Amino acid sequence: MSTQELTRLDQIRNDIERIDQQIVALIARRLTLCREVGPLKARAGLAAHLPDRVRLVMARWMEDATSHGIDPELMRHVSALVIAAGEKLQVEAIVDAPAPAS
């Protein structure tokens, strides 16, 4: 590999690392919102896991993936993991929420 190619490789790796950091930050932000959703769902009498909503969100991720030239099956797997993590936090937030004042 030439010096120029090695320099370019380092640049690309740095770009990928920055993107990875952004992805992690966005997932963290999403999960923070999921913690807020749990008690709201509980007060509305809704379960943390809503199959119709999960299907809708996963379909949207897969559609967005397709429009960006990404294999939608990859996004199906990624979205399933992210959604499951969010649902787990929703349940934990419900359990940890203070009881309503009477």
PDB file of N, CA and C in Angstrom:
ATOM      1  N   MET A   1       0.846  -1.180   0.000  1.00  0.00           N
ATOM      2  CA  MET A   1       0.000   0.000   0.000  1.00  0.00           C
ATOM      3  C   MET A   1       0.887   1.238   0.000  1.00  0.00           C
ATOM      4  N   SER A   2       0.484   2.198  -0.787  1.00  0.00           N
ATOM      5  CA  SER A   2       1.247   3.447  -0.839  1.00  0.00           C
ATOM      6  C   SER A   2       0.949   4.299   0.393  1.00  0.00           C
ATOM      7  N   THR A   3       1.797   5.278   0.622  1.00  0.00           N
ATOM      8  CA  THR A   3       1.588   6.210   1.731  1.00  0.00           C
ATOM      9  C   THR A   3       0.255   6.923   1.574  1.00  0.00           C
ATOM     10  N   GLN A   4      -0.070   7.292   0.357  1.00  0.00           N
ATOM     11  CA  GLN A   4      -1.340   7.977   0.086  1.00  0.00           C
ATOM     12  C   GLN A   4      -2.525   7.071   0.428  1.00  0.00           C
ATOM     13  N   GLU A   5      -2.418   5.803   0.057  1.00  0.00           N
ATOM     14  CA  GLU A   5      -3.501   4.858   0.360  1.00  0.00           C
ATOM     15  C   GLU A   5      -3.624   4.619   1.867  1.00  0.00           C
ATOM     16  N   LEU A   6      -2.508   4.536   2.558  1.00  0.00           N
ATOM     17  CA  LEU A   6      -2.546   4.363   4.012  1.00  0.00           C
ATOM     18  C   LEU A   6      -3.165   5.573   4.695  1.00  0.00           C
ATOM     19  N   THR A   7      -2.850   6.758   4.189  1.00  0.00           N
ATOM     20  CA  THR A   7      -3.438   7.983   4.728  1.00  0.00           C
ATOM     21  C   THR A   7      -4.941   7.968   4.519  1.00  0.00           C
ATOM     22  N   ARG A   8      -5.356   7.579   3.317  1.00  0.00           N
ATOM     23  CA  ARG A   8      -6.794   7.521   3.019  1.00  0.00           C
ATOM     24  C   ARG A   8      -7.486   6.488   3.903  1.00  0.00           C
ATOM     25  N   LEU A   9      -6.838   5.347   4.108  1.00  0.00           N
ATOM     26  CA  LEU A   9      -7.397   4.309   4.973  1.00  0.00           C
ATOM     27  C   LEU A   9      -7.607   4.852   6.386  1.00  0.00           C
ATOM     28  N   ASP A  10      -6.624   5.565   6.905  1.00  0.00           N
ATOM     29  CA  ASP A  10      -6.761   6.170   8.235  1.00  0.00           C
ATOM     30  C   ASP A  10      -7.905   7.173   8.276  1.00  0.00           C
ATOM     31  N   GLN A  11      -8.056   7.964   7.231  1.00  0.00           N
ATOM     32  CA  GLN A  11      -9.151   8.941   7.170  1.00  0.00           C
ATOM     33  C   GLN A  11     -10.503   8.236   7.209  1.00  0.00           C
ATOM     34  N   ILE A  12     -10.616   7.192   6.419  1.00  0.00           N
ATOM     35  CA  ILE A  12     -11.878   6.445   6.371  1.00  0.00           C
ATOM     36  C   ILE A  12     -12.170   5.816   7.731  1.00  0.00           C
ATOM     37  N   ARG A  13     -11.171   5.239   8.348  1.00  0.00           N
ATOM     38  CA  ARG A  13     -11.370   4.630   9.669  1.00  0.00           C
ATOM     39  C   ARG A  13     -11.797   5.674  10.694  1.00  0.00           C
ATOM     40  N   ASN A  14     -11.202   6.853  10.626  1.00  0.00           N
ATOM     41  CA  ASN A  14     -11.595   7.928  11.540  1.00  0.00           C
ATOM     42  C   ASN A  14     -13.042   8.348  11.301  1.00  0.00           C
ATOM     43  N   ASP A  15     -13.435   8.436  10.035  1.00  0.00           N
ATOM     44  CA  ASP A  15     -14.826   8.773   9.708  1.00  0.00           C
ATOM     45  C   ASP A  15     -15.778   7.711  10.250  1.00  0.00           C
ATOM     46  N   ILE A  16     -15.418   6.454  10.066  1.00  0.00           N
ATOM     47  CA  ILE A  16     -16.249   5.353  10.561  1.00  0.00           C
ATOM     48  C   ILE A  16     -16.361   5.424  12.081  1.00  0.00           C
ATOM     49  N   GLU A  17     -15.260   5.715  12.755  1.00  0.00           N
ATOM     50  CA  GLU A  17     -15.293   5.817  14.215  1.00  0.00           C
ATOM     51  C   GLU A  17     -16.225   6.940  14.666  1.00  0.00           C
ATOM     52  N   ARG A  18     -16.179   8.075  13.985  1.00  0.00           N
ATOM     53  CA  ARG A  18     -17.081   9.185  14.332  1.00  0.00           C
ATOM     54  C   ARG A  18     -18.538   8.794  14.106  1.00  0.00           C
ATOM     55  N   ILE A  19     -18.794   8.117  13.011  1.00  0.00           N
ATOM     56  CA  ILE A  19     -20.161   7.664  12.724  1.00  0.00           C
ATOM     57  C   ILE A  19     -20.620   6.664  13.787  1.00  0.00           C
ATOM     58  N   ASP A  20     -19.749   5.738  14.160  1.00  0.00           N
ATOM     59  CA  ASP A  20     -20.088   4.772  15.216  1.00  0.00           C
ATOM     60  C   ASP A  20     -20.449   5.488  16.510  1.00  0.00           C
ATOM     61  N   GLN A  21     -19.690   6.525  16.853  1.00  0.00           N
ATOM     62  CA  GLN A  21     -19.983   7.296  18.062  1.00  0.00           C
ATOM     63  C   GLN A  21     -21.350   7.972  17.952  1.00  0.00           C
ATOM     64  N   GLN A  22     -21.682   8.466  16.768  1.00  0.00           N
ATOM     65  CA  GLN A  22     -22.989   9.094  16.563  1.00  0.00           C
ATOM     66  C   GLN A  22     -24.107   8.068  16.685  1.00  0.00           C
ATOM     67  N   ILE A  23     -23.881   6.876  16.132  1.00  0.00           N
ATOM     68  CA  ILE A  23     -24.888   5.815  16.228  1.00  0.00           C
ATOM     69  C   ILE A  23     -25.147   5.472  17.694  1.00  0.00           C
ATOM     70  N   VAL A  24     -24.085   5.300  18.466  1.00  0.00           N
ATOM     71  CA  VAL A  24     -24.232   4.971  19.887  1.00  0.00           C
ATOM     72  C   VAL A  24     -24.967   6.092  20.614  1.00  0.00           C
ATOM     73  N   ALA A  25     -24.611   7.340  20.314  1.00  0.00           N
ATOM     74  CA  ALA A  25     -25.272   8.479  20.967  1.00  0.00           C
ATOM     75  C   ALA A  25     -26.758   8.521  20.624  1.00  0.00           C
ATOM     76  N   LEU A  26     -27.103   8.231  19.377  1.00  0.00           N
ATOM     77  CA  LEU A  26     -28.511   8.232  18.977  1.00  0.00           C
ATOM     78  C   LEU A  26     -29.282   7.093  19.640  1.00  0.00           C
ATOM     79  N   ILE A  27     -28.654   5.927  19.738  1.00  0.00           N
ATOM     80  CA  ILE A  27     -29.321   4.816  20.422  1.00  0.00           C
ATOM     81  C   ILE A  27     -29.515   5.160  21.896  1.00  0.00           C
ATOM     82  N   ALA A  28     -28.519   5.768  22.512  1.00  0.00           N
ATOM     83  CA  ALA A  28     -28.652   6.175  23.918  1.00  0.00           C
ATOM     84  C   ALA A  28     -29.798   7.164  24.081  1.00  0.00           C
ATOM     85  N   ARG A  29     -29.909   8.096  23.156  1.00  0.00           N
ATOM     86  CA  ARG A  29     -31.002   9.078  23.205  1.00  0.00           C
ATOM     87  C   ARG A  29     -32.358   8.383  23.061  1.00  0.00           C
ATOM     88  N   ARG A  30     -32.433   7.431  22.133  1.00  0.00           N
ATOM     89  CA  ARG A  30     -33.675   6.684  21.920  1.00  0.00           C
ATOM     90  C   ARG A  30     -34.064   5.921  23.189  1.00  0.00           C
ATOM     91  N   LEU A  31     -33.077   5.294  23.823  1.00  0.00           N
ATOM     92  CA  LEU A  31     -33.359   4.520  25.030  1.00  0.00           C
ATOM     93  C   LEU A  31     -33.776   5.420  26.188  1.00  0.00           C
ATOM     94  N   THR A  32     -33.228   6.612  26.259  1.00  0.00           N
ATOM     95  CA  THR A  32     -33.663   7.577  27.276  1.00  0.00           C
ATOM     96  C   THR A  32     -35.140   7.898  27.088  1.00  0.00           C
ATOM     97  N   LEU A  33     -35.546   8.086  25.846  1.00  0.00           N
ATOM     98  CA  LEU A  33     -36.961   8.355  25.561  1.00  0.00           C
ATOM     99  C   LEU A  33     -37.828   7.151  25.914  1.00  0.00           C
ATOM    100  N   CYS A  34     -37.309   5.952  25.684  1.00  0.00           N
ATOM    101  CA  CYS A  34     -38.061   4.741  26.034  1.00  0.00           C
ATOM    102  C   CYS A  34     -38.333   4.678  27.529  1.00  0.00           C
ATOM    103  N   ARG A  35     -37.369   5.123  28.336  1.00  0.00           N
ATOM    104  CA  ARG A  35     -37.583   5.147  29.791  1.00  0.00           C
ATOM    105  C   ARG A  35     -38.751   6.071  30.141  1.00  0.00           C
ATOM    106  N   GLU A  36     -38.895   7.154  29.406  1.00  0.00           N
ATOM    107  CA  GLU A  36     -40.006   8.083  29.644  1.00  0.00           C
ATOM    108  C   GLU A  36     -41.337   7.487  29.210  1.00  0.00           C
ATOM    109  N   VAL A  37     -41.298   6.697  28.151  1.00  0.00           N
ATOM    110  CA  VAL A  37     -42.519   6.126  27.588  1.00  0.00           C
ATOM    111  C   VAL A  37     -43.148   5.089  28.523  1.00  0.00           C
ATOM    112  N   GLY A  38     -42.323   4.331  29.233  1.00  0.00           N
ATOM    113  CA  GLY A  38     -42.842   3.259  30.087  1.00  0.00           C
ATOM    114  C   GLY A  38     -43.932   3.710  31.039  1.00  0.00           C
ATOM    115  N   PRO A  39     -43.661   4.688  31.903  1.00  0.00           N
ATOM    116  CA  PRO A  39     -44.711   5.140  32.823  1.00  0.00           C
ATOM    117  C   PRO A  39     -45.923   5.739  32.108  1.00  0.00           C
ATOM    118  N   LEU A  40     -45.699   6.399  30.980  1.00  0.00           N
ATOM    119  CA  LEU A  40     -46.832   6.955  30.225  1.00  0.00           C
ATOM    120  C   LEU A  40     -47.733   5.838  29.714  1.00  0.00           C
ATOM    121  N   LYS A  41     -47.116   4.785  29.183  1.00  0.00           N
ATOM    122  CA  LYS A  41     -47.898   3.641  28.721  1.00  0.00           C
ATOM    123  C   LYS A  41     -48.658   3.013  29.888  1.00  0.00           C
ATOM    124  N   ALA A  42     -47.987   2.864  31.016  1.00  0.00           N
ATOM    125  CA  ALA A  42     -48.632   2.239  32.179  1.00  0.00           C
ATOM    126  C   ALA A  42     -49.853   3.039  32.610  1.00  0.00           C
ATOM    127  N   ARG A  43     -49.716   4.358  32.669  1.00  0.00           N
ATOM    128  CA  ARG A  43     -50.856   5.192  33.074  1.00  0.00           C
ATOM    129  C   ARG A  43     -51.996   5.118  32.063  1.00  0.00           C
ATOM    130  N   ALA A  44     -51.657   4.851  30.805  1.00  0.00           N
ATOM    131  CA  ALA A  44     -52.680   4.728  29.769  1.00  0.00           C
ATOM    132  C   ALA A  44     -53.228   3.305  29.676  1.00  0.00           C
ATOM    133  N   GLY A  45     -52.698   2.402  30.508  1.00  0.00           N
ATOM    134  CA  GLY A  45     -53.160   1.018  30.486  1.00  0.00           C
ATOM    135  C   GLY A  45     -52.600   0.213  29.327  1.00  0.00           C
ATOM    136  N   LEU A  46     -51.477   0.661  28.775  1.00  0.00           N
ATOM    137  CA  LEU A  46     -50.856  -0.030  27.645  1.00  0.00           C
ATOM    138  C   LEU A  46     -49.691  -0.887  28.121  1.00  0.00           C
ATOM    139  N   ALA A  47     -49.452  -1.979  27.419  1.00  0.00           N
ATOM    140  CA  ALA A  47     -48.307  -2.838  27.716  1.00  0.00           C
ATOM    141  C   ALA A  47     -47.037  -2.216  27.144  1.00  0.00           C
ATOM    142  N   ALA A  48     -45.890  -2.614  27.681  1.00  0.00           N
ATOM    143  CA  ALA A  48     -44.615  -2.149  27.132  1.00  0.00           C
ATOM    144  C   ALA A  48     -44.444  -2.691  25.713  1.00  0.00           C
ATOM    145  N   HIS A  49     -44.827  -3.949  25.506  1.00  0.00           N
ATOM    146  CA  HIS A  49     -44.704  -4.567  24.183  1.00  0.00           C
ATOM    147  C   HIS A  49     -46.041  -4.459  23.459  1.00  0.00           C
ATOM    148  N   LEU A  50     -46.039  -3.701  22.388  1.00  0.00           N
ATOM    149  CA  LEU A  50     -47.231  -3.546  21.548  1.00  0.00           C
ATOM    150  C   LEU A  50     -46.887  -4.083  20.162  1.00  0.00           C
ATOM    151  N   PRO A  51     -47.298  -5.322  19.859  1.00  0.00           N
ATOM    152  CA  PRO A  51     -46.885  -5.966  18.611  1.00  0.00           C
ATOM    153  C   PRO A  51     -47.151  -5.140  17.356  1.00  0.00           C
ATOM    154  N   ASP A  52     -48.301  -4.482  17.270  1.00  0.00           N
ATOM    155  CA  ASP A  52     -48.594  -3.676  16.077  1.00  0.00           C
ATOM    156  C   ASP A  52     -47.605  -2.525  15.939  1.00  0.00           C
ATOM    157  N   ARG A  53     -47.268  -1.893  17.057  1.00  0.00           N
ATOM    158  CA  ARG A  53     -46.308  -0.784  17.042  1.00  0.00           C
ATOM    159  C   ARG A  53     -44.915  -1.294  16.661  1.00  0.00           C
ATOM    160  N   VAL A  54     -44.534  -2.445  17.194  1.00  0.00           N
ATOM    161  CA  VAL A  54     -43.233  -3.032  16.859  1.00  0.00           C
ATOM    162  C   VAL A  54     -43.153  -3.304  15.364  1.00  0.00           C
ATOM    163  N   ARG A  55     -44.204  -3.894  14.802  1.00  0.00           N
ATOM    164  CA  ARG A  55     -44.213  -4.174  13.359  1.00  0.00           C
ATOM    165  C   ARG A  55     -44.090  -2.889  12.555  1.00  0.00           C
ATOM    166  N   LEU A  56     -44.792  -1.846  12.972  1.00  0.00           N
ATOM    167  CA  LEU A  56     -44.739  -0.561  12.280  1.00  0.00           C
ATOM    168  C   LEU A  56     -43.331   0.031  12.319  1.00  0.00           C
ATOM    169  N   VAL A  57     -42.717   0.027  13.491  1.00  0.00           N
ATOM    170  CA  VAL A  57     -41.370   0.590  13.634  1.00  0.00           C
ATOM    171  C   VAL A  57     -40.366  -0.222  12.820  1.00  0.00           C
ATOM    172  N   MET A  58     -40.449  -1.539  12.907  1.00  0.00           N
ATOM    173  CA  MET A  58     -39.520  -2.383  12.149  1.00  0.00           C
ATOM    174  C   MET A  58     -39.705  -2.188  10.649  1.00  0.00           C
ATOM    175  N   ALA A  59     -40.936  -2.079  10.202  1.00  0.00           N
ATOM    176  CA  ALA A  59     -41.199  -1.854   8.777  1.00  0.00           C
ATOM    177  C   ALA A  59     -40.614  -0.523   8.326  1.00  0.00           C
ATOM    178  N   ARG A  60     -40.726   0.498   9.180  1.00  0.00           N
ATOM    179  CA  ARG A  60     -40.168   1.809   8.838  1.00  0.00           C
ATOM    180  C   ARG A  60     -38.646   1.735   8.735  1.00  0.00           C
ATOM    181  N   TRP A  61     -38.008   1.044   9.682  1.00  0.00           N
ATOM    182  CA  TRP A  61     -36.545   0.888   9.627  1.00  0.00           C
ATOM    183  C   TRP A  61     -36.147   0.160   8.339  1.00  0.00           C
ATOM    184  N   MET A  62     -36.876  -0.884   7.991  1.00  0.00           N
ATOM    185  CA  MET A  62     -36.547  -1.662   6.799  1.00  0.00           C
ATOM    186  C   MET A  62     -36.764  -0.841   5.535  1.00  0.00           C
ATOM    187  N   GLU A  63     -37.825  -0.050   5.512  1.00  0.00           N
ATOM    188  CA  GLU A  63     -38.091   0.822   4.363  1.00  0.00           C
ATOM    189  C   GLU A  63     -36.994   1.878   4.230  1.00  0.00           C
ATOM    190  N   ASP A  64     -36.621   2.487   5.347  1.00  0.00           N
ATOM    191  CA  ASP A  64     -35.539   3.474   5.323  1.00  0.00           C
ATOM    192  C   ASP A  64     -34.235   2.834   4.860  1.00  0.00           C
ATOM    193  N   ALA A  65     -33.982   1.610   5.312  1.00  0.00           N
ATOM    194  CA  ALA A  65     -32.771   0.901   4.893  1.00  0.00           C
ATOM    195  C   ALA A  65     -32.763   0.720   3.382  1.00  0.00           C
ATOM    196  N   THR A  66     -33.879   0.276   2.839  1.00  0.00           N
ATOM    197  CA  THR A  66     -33.982   0.060   1.399  1.00  0.00           C
ATOM    198  C   THR A  66     -33.716   1.345   0.633  1.00  0.00           C
ATOM    199  N   SER A  67     -34.265   2.453   1.118  1.00  0.00           N
ATOM    200  CA  SER A  67     -34.072   3.727   0.412  1.00  0.00           C
ATOM    201  C   SER A  67     -32.620   4.205   0.474  1.00  0.00           C
ATOM    202  N   HIS A  68     -31.841   3.661   1.425  1.00  0.00           N
ATOM    203  CA  HIS A  68     -30.421   4.012   1.524  1.00  0.00           C
ATOM    204  C   HIS A  68     -29.512   2.922   0.942  1.00  0.00           C
ATOM    205  N   GLY A  69     -30.102   1.934   0.287  1.00  0.00           N
ATOM    206  CA  GLY A  69     -29.309   0.877  -0.326  1.00  0.00           C
ATOM    207  C   GLY A  69     -28.749  -0.129   0.672  1.00  0.00           C
ATOM    208  N   ILE A  70     -29.407  -0.250   1.831  1.00  0.00           N
ATOM    209  CA  ILE A  70     -28.973  -1.188   2.871  1.00  0.00           C
ATOM    210  C   ILE A  70     -29.921  -2.384   2.856  1.00  0.00           C
ATOM    211  N   ASP A  71     -29.371  -3.558   3.075  1.00  0.00           N
ATOM    212  CA  ASP A  71     -30.181  -4.771   3.133  1.00  0.00           C
ATOM    213  C   ASP A  71     -31.235  -4.618   4.236  1.00  0.00           C
ATOM    214  N   PRO A  72     -32.523  -4.655   3.890  1.00  0.00           N
ATOM    215  CA  PRO A  72     -33.562  -4.490   4.907  1.00  0.00           C
ATOM    216  C   PRO A  72     -33.529  -5.577   5.980  1.00  0.00           C
ATOM    217  N   GLU A  73     -33.023  -6.746   5.634  1.00  0.00           N
ATOM    218  CA  GLU A  73     -32.931  -7.828   6.621  1.00  0.00           C
ATOM    219  C   GLU A  73     -31.958  -7.449   7.739  1.00  0.00           C
ATOM    220  N   LEU A  74     -30.887  -6.748   7.395  1.00  0.00           N
ATOM    221  CA  LEU A  74     -29.957  -6.250   8.413  1.00  0.00           C
ATOM    222  C   LEU A  74     -30.693  -5.323   9.371  1.00  0.00           C
ATOM    223  N   MET A  75     -31.500  -4.416   8.819  1.00  0.00           N
ATOM    224  CA  MET A  75     -32.229  -3.472   9.666  1.00  0.00           C
ATOM    225  C   MET A  75     -33.310  -4.157  10.480  1.00  0.00           C
ATOM    226  N   ARG A  76     -33.850  -5.258   9.970  1.00  0.00           N
ATOM    227  CA  ARG A  76     -34.830  -6.010  10.749  1.00  0.00           C
ATOM    228  C   ARG A  76     -34.169  -6.516  12.027  1.00  0.00           C
ATOM    229  N   HIS A  77     -32.959  -7.048  11.884  1.00  0.00           N
ATOM    230  CA  HIS A  77     -32.238  -7.558  13.055  1.00  0.00           C
ATOM    231  C   HIS A  77     -31.834  -6.431  14.001  1.00  0.00           C
ATOM    232  N   VAL A  78     -31.295  -5.362  13.446  1.00  0.00           N
ATOM    233  CA  VAL A  78     -30.861  -4.232  14.277  1.00  0.00           C
ATOM    234  C   VAL A  78     -32.056  -3.628  15.008  1.00  0.00           C
ATOM    235  N   SER A  79     -33.147  -3.407  14.279  1.00  0.00           N
ATOM    236  CA  SER A  79     -34.320  -2.794  14.911  1.00  0.00           C
ATOM    237  C   SER A  79     -34.895  -3.700  15.995  1.00  0.00           C
ATOM    238  N   ALA A  80     -34.875  -5.007  15.773  1.00  0.00           N
ATOM    239  CA  ALA A  80     -35.389  -5.932  16.790  1.00  0.00           C
ATOM    240  C   ALA A  80     -34.585  -5.809  18.084  1.00  0.00           C
ATOM    241  N   LEU A  81     -33.265  -5.688  17.972  1.00  0.00           N
ATOM    242  CA  LEU A  81     -32.424  -5.542  19.164  1.00  0.00           C
ATOM    243  C   LEU A  81     -32.680  -4.217  19.870  1.00  0.00           C
ATOM    244  N   VAL A  82     -32.761  -3.144  19.100  1.00  0.00           N
ATOM    245  CA  VAL A  82     -32.970  -1.818  19.688  1.00  0.00           C
ATOM    246  C   VAL A  82     -34.352  -1.733  20.337  1.00  0.00           C
ATOM    247  N   ILE A  83     -35.355  -2.251  19.661  1.00  0.00           N
ATOM    248  CA  ILE A  83     -36.719  -2.222  20.203  1.00  0.00           C
ATOM    249  C   ILE A  83     -36.804  -3.052  21.485  1.00  0.00           C
ATOM    250  N   ALA A  84     -36.201  -4.240  21.479  1.00  0.00           N
ATOM    251  CA  ALA A  84     -36.227  -5.088  22.678  1.00  0.00           C
ATOM    252  C   ALA A  84     -35.550  -4.386  23.856  1.00  0.00           C
ATOM    253  N   ALA A  85     -34.442  -3.715  23.597  1.00  0.00           N
ATOM    254  CA  ALA A  85     -33.758  -2.974  24.668  1.00  0.00           C
ATOM    255  C   ALA A  85     -34.651  -1.857  25.194  1.00  0.00           C
ATOM    256  N   GLY A  86     -35.342  -1.178  24.293  1.00  0.00           N
ATOM    257  CA  GLY A  86     -36.252  -0.109  24.703  1.00  0.00           C
ATOM    258  C   GLY A  86     -37.419  -0.626  25.518  1.00  0.00           C
ATOM    259  N   GLU A  87     -37.980  -1.749  25.110  1.00  0.00           N
ATOM    260  CA  GLU A  87     -39.096  -2.339  25.861  1.00  0.00           C
ATOM    261  C   GLU A  87     -38.654  -2.762  27.254  1.00  0.00           C
ATOM    262  N   LYS A  88     -37.451  -3.305  27.358  1.00  0.00           N
ATOM    263  CA  LYS A  88     -36.915  -3.705  28.669  1.00  0.00           C
ATOM    264  C   LYS A  88     -36.806  -2.481  29.578  1.00  0.00           C
ATOM    265  N   LEU A  89     -36.314  -1.379  29.043  1.00  0.00           N
ATOM    266  CA  LEU A  89     -36.200  -0.153  29.839  1.00  0.00           C
ATOM    267  C   LEU A  89     -37.568   0.403  30.210  1.00  0.00           C
ATOM    268  N   GLN A  90     -38.537   0.249  29.320  1.00  0.00           N
ATOM    269  CA  GLN A  90     -39.893   0.705  29.639  1.00  0.00           C
ATOM    270  C   GLN A  90     -40.438  -0.060  30.838  1.00  0.00           C
ATOM    271  N   VAL A  91     -40.252  -1.367  30.831  1.00  0.00           N
ATOM    272  CA  VAL A  91     -40.729  -2.196  31.943  1.00  0.00           C
ATOM    273  C   VAL A  91     -40.013  -1.799  33.228  1.00  0.00           C
ATOM    274  N   GLU A  92     -38.700  -1.622  33.152  1.00  0.00           N
ATOM    275  CA  GLU A  92     -37.937  -1.215  34.342  1.00  0.00           C
ATOM    276  C   GLU A  92     -38.406   0.140  34.854  1.00  0.00           C
ATOM    277  N   ALA A  93     -38.700   1.056  33.947  1.00  0.00           N
ATOM    278  CA  ALA A  93     -39.158   2.389  34.350  1.00  0.00           C
ATOM    279  C   ALA A  93     -40.517   2.312  35.033  1.00  0.00           C
ATOM    280  N   ILE A  94     -41.362   1.405  34.571  1.00  0.00           N
ATOM    281  CA  ILE A  94     -42.679   1.230  35.194  1.00  0.00           C
ATOM    282  C   ILE A  94     -42.503   0.683  36.611  1.00  0.00           C
ATOM    283  N   VAL A  95     -41.643  -0.312  36.755  1.00  0.00           N
ATOM    284  CA  VAL A  95     -41.405  -0.931  38.064  1.00  0.00           C
ATOM    285  C   VAL A  95     -40.797   0.082  39.030  1.00  0.00           C
ATOM    286  N   ASP A  96     -39.883   0.916  38.525  1.00  0.00           N
ATOM    287  CA  ASP A  96     -39.187   1.887  39.377  1.00  0.00           C
ATOM    288  C   ASP A  96     -39.974   3.168  39.621  1.00  0.00           C
ATOM    289  N   ALA A  97     -41.063   3.359  38.884  1.00  0.00           N
ATOM    290  CA  ALA A  97     -41.827   4.612  39.006  1.00  0.00           C
ATOM    291  C   ALA A  97     -42.506   4.681  40.367  1.00  0.00           C
ATOM    292  N   PRO A  98     -42.548   5.874  40.946  1.00  0.00           N
ATOM    293  CA  PRO A  98     -43.257   6.011  42.223  1.00  0.00           C
ATOM    294  C   PRO A  98     -44.751   5.765  42.034  1.00  0.00           C
ATOM    295  N   ALA A  99     -45.359   5.236  43.054  1.00  0.00           N
ATOM    296  CA  ALA A  99     -46.808   4.990  43.007  1.00  0.00           C
ATOM    297  C   ALA A  99     -47.532   6.326  42.933  1.00  0.00           C
ATOM    298  N   PRO A 100     -48.652   6.380  42.186  1.00  0.00           N
ATOM    299  CA  PRO A 100     -49.403   7.634  42.101  1.00  0.00           C
ATOM    300  C   PRO A 100     -49.956   8.038  43.465  1.00  0.00           C
ATOM    301  N   ALA A 101     -49.989   9.334  43.687  1.00  0.00           N
ATOM    302  CA  ALA A 101     -50.536   9.850  44.953  1.00  0.00           C
ATOM    303  C   ALA A 101     -52.039   9.621  44.984  1.00  0.00           C
ATOM    304  N   SER A 102     -52.549   9.286  46.158  1.00  0.00           N
ATOM    305  CA  SER A 102     -53.992   9.032  46.248  1.00  0.00           C
ATOM    306  C   SER A 102     -54.728  10.210  46.804  1.00  0.00           C
TER     307      SER A 102
END
